[in-house]
Amino acid sequence: MPQRVLAFETSTRRGSCALLEGHRVVAQASHEILNAHGEQLPRLLDQCMAEAGWDRQSLDRLAVGIGPGSFTGLRVGIALAQGIALGLGRPLVGVGSLEALAWAARGELRVALIDARRGELFVQAYDAADQPATEAVALPRGDVLAWVGQRFAETPRYVGEPASELGLAVPSVALPSAAQVAELALGREPAPIEPLYVRAADAIKPHLPPSPLGDAS
């Protein structure tokens, strides 16, 4: 029987949910409302489950994009996936968001790009065998082409929304999606989920006084 996979992707402004049965996308939905992944993702989940006619007990595994990307967005997607996986007793697989984006151009040398804000891009290259050719890094926008040129003799294909901003060909896939995450999660062994931030989070935890309920010793 083909595995049924529920996946989430929240590394960018787009939050998405997808259901796959084997390699077939049964349902998918997305939103692009800023700072609304926490409110929108449960709605997208209900929409997809209703469209597929599935109940949660019929799921075989879950998958989630682990970044790099929005610090808050990643936490929302990972927390929801972990909660459902724990509640159902199902395995959970984490998939790199740049890898999911690069999957759209599998079978050739390509460089995946995601907006990292603050004038930077998250960048990672994958070779024609679909293996990572570099680590995921955060680079100033103006340095990306030189960085790629220093590492590869051939011209790669660029995927991701920022490609057009760099004067490259308009990419066929702009942002990573839950369907790509679900596809890559098939057959992978589950492992503890850790967000891939690449650089320090934008948010800095405030320094708080000790809790009056804490241990006084």
Protein backbone atom coordinates (compact mmCIF):
# COMPACT_ATOMS: atom_id res chain seq x y z
CA MET A 1 0.00 0.00 0.00
CA PRO A 2 1.34 3.50 -0.84
CA GLN A 3 2.21 5.57 2.20
CA ARG A 4 0.00 8.48 3.14
CA VAL A 5 2.05 11.55 4.04
CA LEU A 6 0.98 14.85 5.57
CA ALA A 7 3.49 17.68 5.10
CA PHE A 8 3.88 21.33 6.06
CA GLU A 9 6.22 24.03 4.71
CA THR A 10 6.48 27.39 6.49
CA SER A 11 10.02 28.65 5.82
CA THR A 12 8.85 31.63 3.70
CA ARG A 13 5.85 33.94 3.54
CA ARG A 14 3.96 31.06 1.93
CA GLY A 15 2.59 28.49 4.32
CA SER A 16 1.49 25.25 2.71
CA CYS A 17 0.02 21.86 3.52
CA ALA A 18 -0.07 18.78 1.30
CA LEU A 19 -1.28 15.19 1.37
CA LEU A 20 0.49 12.56 -0.71
CA GLU A 21 -0.42 8.93 -1.28
CA GLY A 22 2.72 7.38 -2.64
CA HIS A 23 3.99 9.90 -5.17
CA ARG A 24 0.52 11.24 -5.98
CA VAL A 25 -0.54 14.61 -4.59
CA VAL A 26 -4.05 14.05 -3.25
CA ALA A 27 -4.63 17.56 -1.86
CA GLN A 28 -2.65 20.73 -1.26
CA ALA A 29 -3.41 24.25 -0.09
CA SER A 30 -1.41 27.37 0.71
CA HIS A 31 -1.67 30.96 1.93
CA GLU A 32 0.53 34.04 1.70
CA ILE A 33 -0.89 36.15 4.52
CA LEU A 34 2.03 37.78 6.31
CA ASN A 35 2.77 36.58 9.85
CA ALA A 36 -0.26 34.27 9.84
CA HIS A 37 1.14 30.74 9.67
CA GLY A 38 -0.13 29.96 13.18
CA GLU A 39 -3.68 30.92 12.29
CA GLN A 40 -3.77 29.64 8.71
CA LEU A 41 -2.00 26.27 8.90
CA PRO A 42 -4.75 24.46 10.88
CA ARG A 43 -7.30 25.80 8.37
CA LEU A 44 -5.22 24.51 5.46
CA LEU A 45 -4.92 21.13 7.18
CA ASP A 46 -8.68 20.84 7.63
CA GLN A 47 -9.20 21.89 4.01
CA CYS A 48 -6.81 19.25 2.69
CA MET A 49 -8.19 16.46 4.88
CA ALA A 50 -11.74 17.26 3.80
CA GLU A 51 -10.76 17.36 0.13
CA ALA A 52 -8.98 14.00 0.39
CA GLY A 53 -11.68 12.43 2.54
CA TRP A 54 -9.05 11.16 4.96
CA ASP A 55 -9.04 11.06 8.73
CA ARG A 56 -5.88 11.61 10.71
CA GLN A 57 -5.65 7.99 11.80
CA SER A 58 -5.15 7.01 8.15
CA LEU A 59 -1.85 8.94 7.95
CA ASP A 60 1.35 6.89 7.84
CA ARG A 61 3.92 9.64 8.42
CA LEU A 62 4.41 13.39 8.64
CA ALA A 63 6.99 15.67 7.09
CA VAL A 64 7.96 19.29 7.64
CA GLY A 65 10.30 21.83 6.10
CA ILE A 66 13.08 22.66 8.56
CA GLY A 67 14.58 25.72 6.87
CA PRO A 68 16.51 27.82 6.51
CA GLY A 69 13.91 30.53 6.46
CA SER A 70 11.70 32.58 8.73
CA PHE A 71 12.57 31.88 12.37
CA THR A 72 8.96 32.22 13.55
CA GLY A 73 7.52 30.41 10.54
CA LEU A 74 9.75 27.40 11.05
CA ARG A 75 8.79 27.12 14.70
CA VAL A 76 5.09 27.18 13.81
CA GLY A 77 5.33 24.46 11.16
CA ILE A 78 7.62 22.21 13.18
CA ALA A 79 5.54 22.53 16.36
CA LEU A 80 2.33 21.61 14.53
CA ALA A 81 3.93 18.63 12.78
CA GLN A 82 5.50 17.41 16.03
CA GLY A 83 2.21 17.72 17.89
CA ILE A 84 0.26 15.72 15.31
CA ALA A 85 2.99 13.09 14.98
CA LEU A 86 3.18 12.64 18.75
CA GLY A 87 -0.58 12.48 19.11
CA LEU A 88 -0.94 9.85 16.41
CA GLY A 89 2.24 7.95 17.19
CA ARG A 90 3.49 8.44 13.63
CA PRO A 91 7.06 9.05 12.38
CA LEU A 92 8.09 12.60 11.48
CA VAL A 93 10.70 13.47 8.84
CA GLY A 94 12.40 16.84 8.47
CA VAL A 95 13.36 18.08 4.98
CA GLY A 96 15.57 21.07 4.20
CA SER A 97 13.57 23.88 2.60
CA LEU A 98 16.31 24.62 0.07
CA GLU A 99 16.41 20.93 -0.81
CA ALA A 100 12.65 20.94 -1.36
CA LEU A 101 12.97 23.95 -3.63
CA ALA A 102 15.86 22.37 -5.56
CA TRP A 103 13.82 19.21 -6.07
CA ALA A 104 11.80 21.06 -8.71
CA ALA A 105 14.87 20.99 -11.00
CA ARG A 106 16.21 17.57 -10.03
CA GLY A 107 18.61 15.79 -12.33
CA GLU A 108 20.82 18.80 -13.11
CA LEU A 109 23.21 21.12 -11.31
CA ARG A 110 21.10 23.82 -9.65
CA VAL A 111 21.30 26.48 -6.99
CA ALA A 112 18.31 27.08 -4.71
CA LEU A 113 17.67 30.60 -3.41
CA ILE A 114 15.41 31.82 -0.59
CA ASP A 115 15.11 35.40 0.61
CA ALA A 116 16.87 35.70 3.98
CA ARG A 117 15.98 39.40 4.43
CA ARG A 118 18.54 41.97 5.64
CA GLY A 119 19.94 42.06 2.10
CA GLU A 120 20.90 38.38 2.14
CA LEU A 121 19.85 35.14 0.48
CA PHE A 122 19.90 31.58 1.74
CA VAL A 123 21.80 29.58 -0.89
CA GLN A 124 22.54 25.89 -1.49
CA ALA A 125 23.67 23.97 -4.57
CA TYR A 126 22.67 20.44 -5.57
CA ASP A 127 24.40 18.34 -8.22
CA ALA A 128 22.93 16.32 -11.07
CA ALA A 129 22.76 13.26 -8.81
CA ASP A 130 20.49 15.27 -6.45
CA GLN A 131 23.11 15.38 -3.70
CA PRO A 132 24.08 18.58 -1.87
CA ALA A 133 27.10 20.18 -3.58
CA THR A 134 27.47 22.84 -0.86
CA GLU A 135 26.23 23.53 2.61
CA ALA A 136 23.33 25.94 3.07
CA VAL A 137 24.72 29.45 3.63
CA ALA A 138 23.48 33.01 4.02
CA LEU A 139 25.15 35.44 1.57
CA PRO A 140 24.75 39.12 0.65
CA ARG A 141 22.70 39.29 -2.55
CA GLY A 142 25.54 40.88 -4.47
CA ASP A 143 27.94 38.05 -3.61
CA VAL A 144 25.83 35.09 -4.72
CA LEU A 145 26.88 34.86 -8.38
CA ALA A 146 30.59 35.22 -7.54
CA TRP A 147 30.24 32.57 -4.80
CA VAL A 148 28.65 30.16 -7.26
CA GLY A 149 31.20 30.96 -9.98
CA GLN A 150 34.08 30.12 -7.65
CA ARG A 151 32.68 26.65 -7.02
CA PHE A 152 31.36 25.44 -10.36
CA ALA A 153 32.85 25.54 -13.85
CA GLU A 154 29.46 25.04 -15.48
CA THR A 155 26.52 27.40 -15.22
CA PRO A 156 23.87 25.97 -12.89
CA ARG A 157 20.16 26.41 -13.09
CA TYR A 158 18.81 28.77 -10.43
CA VAL A 159 15.54 28.05 -8.66
CA GLY A 160 13.70 30.27 -6.24
CA GLU A 161 12.06 33.66 -6.32
CA PRO A 162 15.26 35.73 -5.91
CA ALA A 163 16.67 34.39 -9.21
CA SER A 164 14.75 36.96 -11.26
CA GLU A 165 15.95 39.75 -8.95
CA LEU A 166 19.55 38.77 -9.75
CA GLY A 167 18.87 39.16 -13.48
CA LEU A 168 18.71 35.41 -14.06
CA ALA A 169 15.95 33.47 -15.81
CA VAL A 170 12.58 33.60 -14.12
CA PRO A 171 12.41 30.37 -12.07
CA SER A 172 9.70 27.82 -12.74
CA VAL A 173 9.28 27.34 -8.98
CA ALA A 174 9.43 30.42 -6.76
CA LEU A 175 9.06 29.08 -3.21
CA PRO A 176 9.36 25.71 -1.46
CA SER A 177 6.09 23.84 -0.98
CA ALA A 178 4.69 21.13 1.26
CA ALA A 179 4.20 18.82 -1.73
CA GLN A 180 7.96 18.90 -2.43
CA VAL A 181 8.67 18.24 1.26
CA ALA A 182 6.29 15.26 1.29
CA GLU A 183 7.85 13.77 -1.86
CA LEU A 184 11.34 13.93 -0.37
CA ALA A 185 10.18 12.45 2.94
CA LEU A 186 9.03 9.20 1.33
CA GLY A 187 11.32 6.37 2.35
CA ARG A 188 13.50 8.48 4.66
CA GLU A 189 14.23 7.40 8.18
CA PRO A 190 12.68 9.65 10.83
CA ALA A 191 15.10 11.52 13.09
CA PRO A 192 14.90 14.22 15.76
CA ILE A 193 13.83 17.51 14.19
CA GLU A 194 16.14 20.51 14.47
CA PRO A 195 15.41 23.77 12.61
CA LEU A 196 18.13 24.79 10.16
CA TYR A 197 18.60 28.48 10.86
CA VAL A 198 22.04 28.92 9.17
CA ARG A 199 22.45 32.24 10.98
CA ALA A 200 21.33 33.61 14.35
CA ALA A 201 17.63 34.26 14.71
CA ASP A 202 16.37 37.81 14.21
CA ALA A 203 14.53 37.76 17.49
CA ILE A 204 16.61 38.17 20.65
CA LYS A 205 15.16 36.79 23.85
CA PRO A 206 14.70 39.55 26.43
CA HIS A 207 16.58 39.37 29.70
CA LEU A 208 13.93 38.58 32.30
CA PRO A 209 14.21 38.63 36.09
CA PRO A 210 14.08 35.29 37.93
CA SER A 211 10.57 33.90 38.35
CA PRO A 212 9.17 34.34 41.87
CA LEU A 213 7.93 30.74 41.55
CA GLY A 214 11.38 29.38 40.78
CA ASP A 215 13.71 27.51 43.10
CA ALA A 216 14.97 29.95 45.73
CA SER A 217 18.07 27.89 46.48
